[in-house]
PDB file of N, CA and C in Angstrom:
ATOM      1  N   MET A   1      90.256  82.034 112.462  1.00  0.00           N
ATOM      2  CA  MET A   1      89.374  82.135 111.006  1.00  0.00           C
ATOM      3  C   MET A   1      89.643  79.683 110.690  1.00  0.00           C
ATOM      4  N   LYS A   2      89.261  79.713 109.805  1.00  0.00           N
ATOM      5  CA  LYS A   2      89.680  78.089 109.854  1.00  0.00           C
ATOM      6  C   LYS A   2      90.679  77.901 108.454  1.00  0.00           C
ATOM      7  N   ILE A   3      91.125  76.971 108.366  1.00  0.00           N
ATOM      8  CA  ILE A   3      91.625  77.220 107.105  1.00  0.00           C
ATOM      9  C   ILE A   3      92.503  75.817 106.660  1.00  0.00           C
ATOM     10  N   LYS A   4      92.732  75.331 105.340  1.00  0.00           N
ATOM     11  CA  LYS A   4      92.888  73.521 105.782  1.00  0.00           C
ATOM     12  C   LYS A   4      94.314  73.587 104.429  1.00  0.00           C
ATOM     13  N   LEU A   5      95.102  73.367 104.257  1.00  0.00           N
ATOM     14  CA  LEU A   5      96.193  72.719 103.522  1.00  0.00           C
ATOM     15  C   LEU A   5      95.645  72.818 101.471  1.00  0.00           C
ATOM     16  N   LYS A   6      96.564  73.442 100.598  1.00  0.00           N
ATOM     17  CA  LYS A   6      96.028  73.893  99.941  1.00  0.00           C
ATOM     18  C   LYS A   6      96.121  72.189  99.013  1.00  0.00           C
ATOM     19  N   ASN A   7      97.597  71.850  98.769  1.00  0.00           N
ATOM     20  CA  ASN A   7      97.470  71.106  98.591  1.00  0.00           C
ATOM     21  C   ASN A   7      98.091  69.803  99.573  1.00  0.00           C
ATOM     22  N   LEU A   8      97.537  68.683  99.245  1.00  0.00           N
ATOM     23  CA  LEU A   8      98.587  67.755 100.374  1.00  0.00           C
ATOM     24  C   LEU A   8      99.690  66.426  99.727  1.00  0.00           C
ATOM     25  N   GLU A   9     100.269  66.881  98.612  1.00  0.00           N
ATOM     26  CA  GLU A   9     101.751  66.753  98.068  1.00  0.00           C
ATOM     27  C   GLU A   9     102.523  67.314  98.858  1.00  0.00           C
ATOM     28  N   LYS A  10     101.993  68.459  98.744  1.00  0.00           N
ATOM     29  CA  LYS A  10     103.108  69.914  99.253  1.00  0.00           C
ATOM     30  C   LYS A  10     102.803  69.564 101.460  1.00  0.00           C
ATOM     31  N   PRO A  11     102.681  69.130 101.919  1.00  0.00           N
ATOM     32  CA  PRO A  11     102.884  69.179 103.626  1.00  0.00           C
ATOM     33  C   PRO A  11     103.537  70.935 104.225  1.00  0.00           C
ATOM     34  N   ILE A  12     103.171  71.604 104.856  1.00  0.00           N
ATOM     35  CA  ILE A  12     104.282  71.591 105.930  1.00  0.00           C
ATOM     36  C   ILE A  12     105.551  71.905 105.903  1.00  0.00           C
ATOM     37  N   LYS A  13     106.436  72.383 105.763  1.00  0.00           N
ATOM     38  CA  LYS A  13     107.440  71.707 106.576  1.00  0.00           C
ATOM     39  C   LYS A  13     108.718  73.158 107.561  1.00  0.00           C
ATOM     40  N   THR A  14     108.073  73.961 107.400  1.00  0.00           N
ATOM     41  CA  THR A  14     107.877  75.484 108.479  1.00  0.00           C
ATOM     42  C   THR A  14     107.244  75.381 110.057  1.00  0.00           C
ATOM     43  N   PRO A  15     108.126  75.364 110.859  1.00  0.00           N
ATOM     44  CA  PRO A  15     107.638  75.623 112.028  1.00  0.00           C
ATOM     45  C   PRO A  15     106.788  77.158 112.415  1.00  0.00           C
ATOM     46  N   TRP A  16     105.728  77.024 111.943  1.00  0.00           N
ATOM     47  CA  TRP A  16     104.722  78.565 111.410  1.00  0.00           C
ATOM     48  C   TRP A  16     103.828  78.867 113.307  1.00  0.00           C
ATOM     49  N   CYS A  17     103.958  79.939 113.592  1.00  0.00           N
ATOM     50  CA  CYS A  17     103.099  80.433 114.267  1.00  0.00           C
ATOM     51  C   CYS A  17     102.687  80.559 114.227  1.00  0.00           C
ATOM     52  N   PHE A  18     100.804  79.220 114.446  1.00  0.00           N
ATOM     53  CA  PHE A  18      99.592  79.679 113.481  1.00  0.00           C
ATOM     54  C   PHE A  18      98.667  79.928 115.335  1.00  0.00           C
ATOM     55  N   TYR A  19      99.330  80.177 116.721  1.00  0.00           N
ATOM     56  CA  TYR A  19      98.702  81.776 117.484  1.00  0.00           C
ATOM     57  C   TYR A  19      99.374  81.553 118.049  1.00  0.00           C
ATOM     58  N   SER A  20      98.690  82.974 118.730  1.00  0.00           N
ATOM     59  CA  SER A  20     100.165  83.990 119.855  1.00  0.00           C
ATOM     60  C   SER A  20      99.947  83.973 120.849  1.00  0.00           C
ATOM     61  N   TRP A  21     100.111  82.461 121.169  1.00  0.00           N
ATOM     62  CA  TRP A  21     101.482  81.942 122.563  1.00  0.00           C
ATOM     63  C   TRP A  21     101.824  81.858 121.923  1.00  0.00           C
ATOM     64  N   GLY A  22     102.425  81.011 120.799  1.00  0.00           N
ATOM     65  CA  GLY A  22     103.244  80.152 119.901  1.00  0.00           C
ATOM     66  C   GLY A  22     103.208  79.209 119.220  1.00  0.00           C
ATOM     67  N   TYR A  23     104.332  78.690 119.223  1.00  0.00           N
ATOM     68  CA  TYR A  23     103.579  76.536 118.258  1.00  0.00           C
ATOM     69  C   TYR A  23     103.295  76.212 117.905  1.00  0.00           C
ATOM     70  N   CYS A  24     102.310  75.558 117.456  1.00  0.00           N
ATOM     71  CA  CYS A  24     102.410  74.417 118.505  1.00  0.00           C
ATOM     72  C   CYS A  24     102.194  72.742 117.293  1.00  0.00           C
ATOM     73  N   PRO A  25     103.444  72.617 117.517  1.00  0.00           N
ATOM     74  CA  PRO A  25     103.454  70.712 116.674  1.00  0.00           C
ATOM     75  C   PRO A  25     102.084  69.712 115.321  1.00  0.00           C
ATOM     76  N   ASP A  26     100.648  69.744 116.753  1.00  0.00           N
ATOM     77  CA  ASP A  26      99.842  69.483 116.630  1.00  0.00           C
ATOM     78  C   ASP A  26      98.641  69.950 115.706  1.00  0.00           C
ATOM     79  N   THR A  27      98.709  71.109 115.885  1.00  0.00           N
ATOM     80  CA  THR A  27      98.326  72.246 115.028  1.00  0.00           C
ATOM     81  C   THR A  27      99.016  71.852 113.668  1.00  0.00           C
ATOM     82  N   ILE A  28     100.249  71.534 112.864  1.00  0.00           N
ATOM     83  CA  ILE A  28     100.822  71.516 111.964  1.00  0.00           C
ATOM     84  C   ILE A  28     100.354  70.472 111.501  1.00  0.00           C
ATOM     85  N   ASN A  29     100.350  69.381 112.260  1.00  0.00           N
ATOM     86  CA  ASN A  29     100.197  67.913 111.911  1.00  0.00           C
ATOM     87  C   ASN A  29      98.687  67.515 110.895  1.00  0.00           C
ATOM     88  N   LYS A  30      97.498  68.282 112.342  1.00  0.00           N
ATOM     89  CA  LYS A  30      96.386  67.961 111.681  1.00  0.00           C
ATOM     90  C   LYS A  30      96.406  69.050 110.122  1.00  0.00           C
ATOM     91  N   ILE A  31      96.857  69.525 109.613  1.00  0.00           N
ATOM     92  CA  ILE A  31      97.082  70.386 109.092  1.00  0.00           C
ATOM     93  C   ILE A  31      97.568  69.685 107.741  1.00  0.00           C
ATOM     94  N   ASN A  32      98.581  69.103 107.708  1.00  0.00           N
ATOM     95  CA  ASN A  32      99.137  68.568 106.909  1.00  0.00           C
ATOM     96  C   ASN A  32      98.189  66.946 106.484  1.00  0.00           C
ATOM     97  N   SER A  33      97.466  66.143 107.109  1.00  0.00           N
ATOM     98  CA  SER A  33      96.564  65.509 107.119  1.00  0.00           C
ATOM     99  C   SER A  33      95.672  65.803 106.243  1.00  0.00           C
ATOM    100  N   GLY A  34      94.943  66.707 105.939  1.00  0.00           N
ATOM    101  CA  GLY A  34      94.276  67.337 105.951  1.00  0.00           C
ATOM    102  C   GLY A  34      93.140  67.282 106.687  1.00  0.00           C
ATOM    103  N   LYS A  35      92.593  68.325 107.204  1.00  0.00           N
ATOM    104  CA  LYS A  35      91.950  68.171 108.576  1.00  0.00           C
ATOM    105  C   LYS A  35      91.545  69.917 108.494  1.00  0.00           C
ATOM    106  N   GLN A  36      90.843  70.905 108.781  1.00  0.00           N
ATOM    107  CA  GLN A  36      90.777  71.786 108.532  1.00  0.00           C
ATOM    108  C   GLN A  36      90.177  72.403 109.891  1.00  0.00           C
ATOM    109  N   VAL A  37      91.165  73.759 110.336  1.00  0.00           N
ATOM    110  CA  VAL A  37      92.002  73.751 111.827  1.00  0.00           C
ATOM    111  C   VAL A  37      91.260  75.295 111.760  1.00  0.00           C
ATOM    112  N   VAL A  38      90.988  74.878 113.146  1.00  0.00           N
ATOM    113  CA  VAL A  38      90.432  76.244 113.442  1.00  0.00           C
ATOM    114  C   VAL A  38      91.844  76.914 114.243  1.00  0.00           C
ATOM    115  N   VAL A  39      92.420  78.314 113.511  1.00  0.00           N
ATOM    116  CA  VAL A  39      93.101  79.081 114.578  1.00  0.00           C
ATOM    117  C   VAL A  39      93.674  80.929 114.067  1.00  0.00           C
ATOM    118  N   GLU A  40      94.557  81.337 114.941  1.00  0.00           N
ATOM    119  CA  GLU A  40      93.923  83.161 115.616  1.00  0.00           C
ATOM    120  C   GLU A  40      94.732  83.767 114.088  1.00  0.00           C
ATOM    121  N   VAL A  41      95.510  83.370 113.710  1.00  0.00           N
ATOM    122  CA  VAL A  41      96.660  83.757 112.661  1.00  0.00           C
ATOM    123  C   VAL A  41      97.108  83.093 111.603  1.00  0.00           C
ATOM    124  N   VAL A  42      97.393  83.630 110.762  1.00  0.00           N
ATOM    125  CA  VAL A  42      98.417  82.958 109.521  1.00  0.00           C
ATOM    126  C   VAL A  42      99.094  83.793 108.887  1.00  0.00           C
ATOM    127  N   PRO A  43     100.959  83.398 109.217  1.00  0.00           N
ATOM    128  CA  PRO A  43     101.424  83.733 108.817  1.00  0.00           C
ATOM    129  C   PRO A  43     101.323  84.448 107.392  1.00  0.00           C
ATOM    130  N   LYS A  44     101.418  85.600 106.877  1.00  0.00           N
ATOM    131  CA  LYS A  44     102.231  85.756 104.962  1.00  0.00           C
ATOM    132  C   LYS A  44     102.858  84.257 104.211  1.00  0.00           C
ATOM    133  N   SER A  45     103.674  83.658 105.049  1.00  0.00           N
ATOM    134  CA  SER A  45     104.377  82.945 104.169  1.00  0.00           C
ATOM    135  C   SER A  45     104.020  81.026 103.924  1.00  0.00           C
ATOM    136  N   ALA A  46     102.833  81.688 104.979  1.00  0.00           N
ATOM    137  CA  ALA A  46     102.367  80.103 105.225  1.00  0.00           C
ATOM    138  C   ALA A  46     100.992  80.396 103.868  1.00  0.00           C
ATOM    139  N   TRP A  47     100.752  81.559 103.573  1.00  0.00           N
ATOM    140  CA  TRP A  47      99.174  81.507 102.629  1.00  0.00           C
ATOM    141  C   TRP A  47      99.975  80.625 101.410  1.00  0.00           C
ATOM    142  N   GLU A  48     100.787  80.712 101.188  1.00  0.00           N
ATOM    143  CA  GLU A  48     101.339  79.570  99.539  1.00  0.00           C
ATOM    144  C   GLU A  48     100.503  77.856 100.021  1.00  0.00           C
ATOM    145  N   TYR A  49     100.586  77.453 101.268  1.00  0.00           N
ATOM    146  CA  TYR A  49     100.469  76.031 101.545  1.00  0.00           C
ATOM    147  C   TYR A  49      98.995  76.468 101.752  1.00  0.00           C
ATOM    148  N   VAL A  50      98.137  77.343 102.345  1.00  0.00           N
ATOM    149  CA  VAL A  50      97.208  76.705 102.731  1.00  0.00           C
ATOM    150  C   VAL A  50      95.953  77.730 102.362  1.00  0.00           C
ATOM    151  N   GLU A  51      94.562  77.680 102.773  1.00  0.00           N
ATOM    152  CA  GLU A  51      93.313  78.354 102.080  1.00  0.00           C
ATOM    153  C   GLU A  51      93.069  78.354 103.404  1.00  0.00           C
ATOM    154  N   GLU A  52      91.867  79.886 103.360  1.00  0.00           N
ATOM    155  CA  GLU A  52      90.712  79.671 103.991  1.00  0.00           C
ATOM    156  C   GLU A  52      89.625  79.052 103.670  1.00  0.00           C
ATOM    157  N   VAL A  53      88.882  78.275 104.782  1.00  0.00           N
ATOM    158  CA  VAL A  53      87.493  76.959 104.604  1.00  0.00           C
ATOM    159  C   VAL A  53      86.824  78.678 105.182  1.00  0.00           C
ATOM    160  N   LYS A  54      85.679  78.415 103.619  1.00  0.00           N
ATOM    161  CA  LYS A  54      84.845  79.880 103.611  1.00  0.00           C
ATOM    162  C   LYS A  54      83.736  78.996 104.672  1.00  0.00           C
ATOM    163  N   LEU A  55      83.352  79.579 105.447  1.00  0.00           N
ATOM    164  CA  LEU A  55      81.847  79.122 105.472  1.00  0.00           C
ATOM    165  C   LEU A  55      80.207  78.596 104.594  1.00  0.00           C
ATOM    166  N   LYS A  56      79.214  78.163 104.688  1.00  0.00           N
ATOM    167  CA  LYS A  56      78.615  77.363 104.023  1.00  0.00           C
ATOM    168  C   LYS A  56      77.603  78.638 104.851  1.00  0.00           C
ATOM    169  N   LYS A  57      76.568  79.674 103.810  1.00  0.00           N
ATOM    170  CA  LYS A  57      75.270  80.479 103.703  1.00  0.00           C
ATOM    171  C   LYS A  57      73.982  78.929 103.910  1.00  0.00           C
ATOM    172  N   ASN A  58      73.873  79.153 104.929  1.00  0.00           N
ATOM    173  CA  ASN A  58      72.337  78.922 105.520  1.00  0.00           C
ATOM    174  C   ASN A  58      71.554  79.191 104.059  1.00  0.00           C
ATOM    175  N   LYS A  59      70.605  78.524 103.687  1.00  0.00           N
ATOM    176  CA  LYS A  59      68.612  78.664 103.174  1.00  0.00           C
ATOM    177  C   LYS A  59      68.257  79.375 104.298  1.00  0.00           C
ATOM    178  N   THR A  60      67.794  80.792 103.911  1.00  0.00           N
ATOM    179  CA  THR A  60      66.305  80.471 104.882  1.00  0.00           C
ATOM    180  C   THR A  60      64.978  79.837 104.200  1.00  0.00           C
ATOM    181  N   LYS A  61      63.955  80.479 104.684  1.00  0.00           N
ATOM    182  CA  LYS A  61      62.855  79.515 104.844  1.00  0.00           C
ATOM    183  C   LYS A  61      62.311  80.429 103.092  1.00  0.00           C
ATOM    184  N   LYS A  62      62.395  81.433 103.461  1.00  0.00           N
ATOM    185  CA  LYS A  62      61.760  82.408 102.255  1.00  0.00           C
ATOM    186  C   LYS A  62      62.570  82.096 100.793  1.00  0.00           C
ATOM    187  N   GLU A  63      64.028  81.697 100.953  1.00  0.00           N
ATOM    188  CA  GLU A  63      65.303  81.570  99.117  1.00  0.00           C
ATOM    189  C   GLU A  63      64.205  79.901  99.696  1.00  0.00           C
ATOM    190  N   ASN A  64      63.407  78.957 100.150  1.00  0.00           N
ATOM    191  CA  ASN A  64      63.625  77.859  99.866  1.00  0.00           C
ATOM    192  C   ASN A  64      61.968  77.505  99.597  1.00  0.00           C
ATOM    193  N   LYS A  65      61.488  78.464  98.982  1.00  0.00           N
ATOM    194  CA  LYS A  65      59.748  78.307  98.155  1.00  0.00           C
ATOM    195  C   LYS A  65      59.729  79.015  97.055  1.00  0.00           C
TER     196      LYS A  65
END
């Protein structure tokens, strides 16, 4: 899943694990800088700071006519 920070003024300060293999400080730094990051899991308490990025659906040729 792809996530991003909800508010740049409220960065993540807690060392949460967004991967099954453990903690990655580079991931938290990317999220805090405003980048969208692909992660495996999001801890429940982290949802206060991040939101899931939804993919835009491409229109098919029939919808464009």
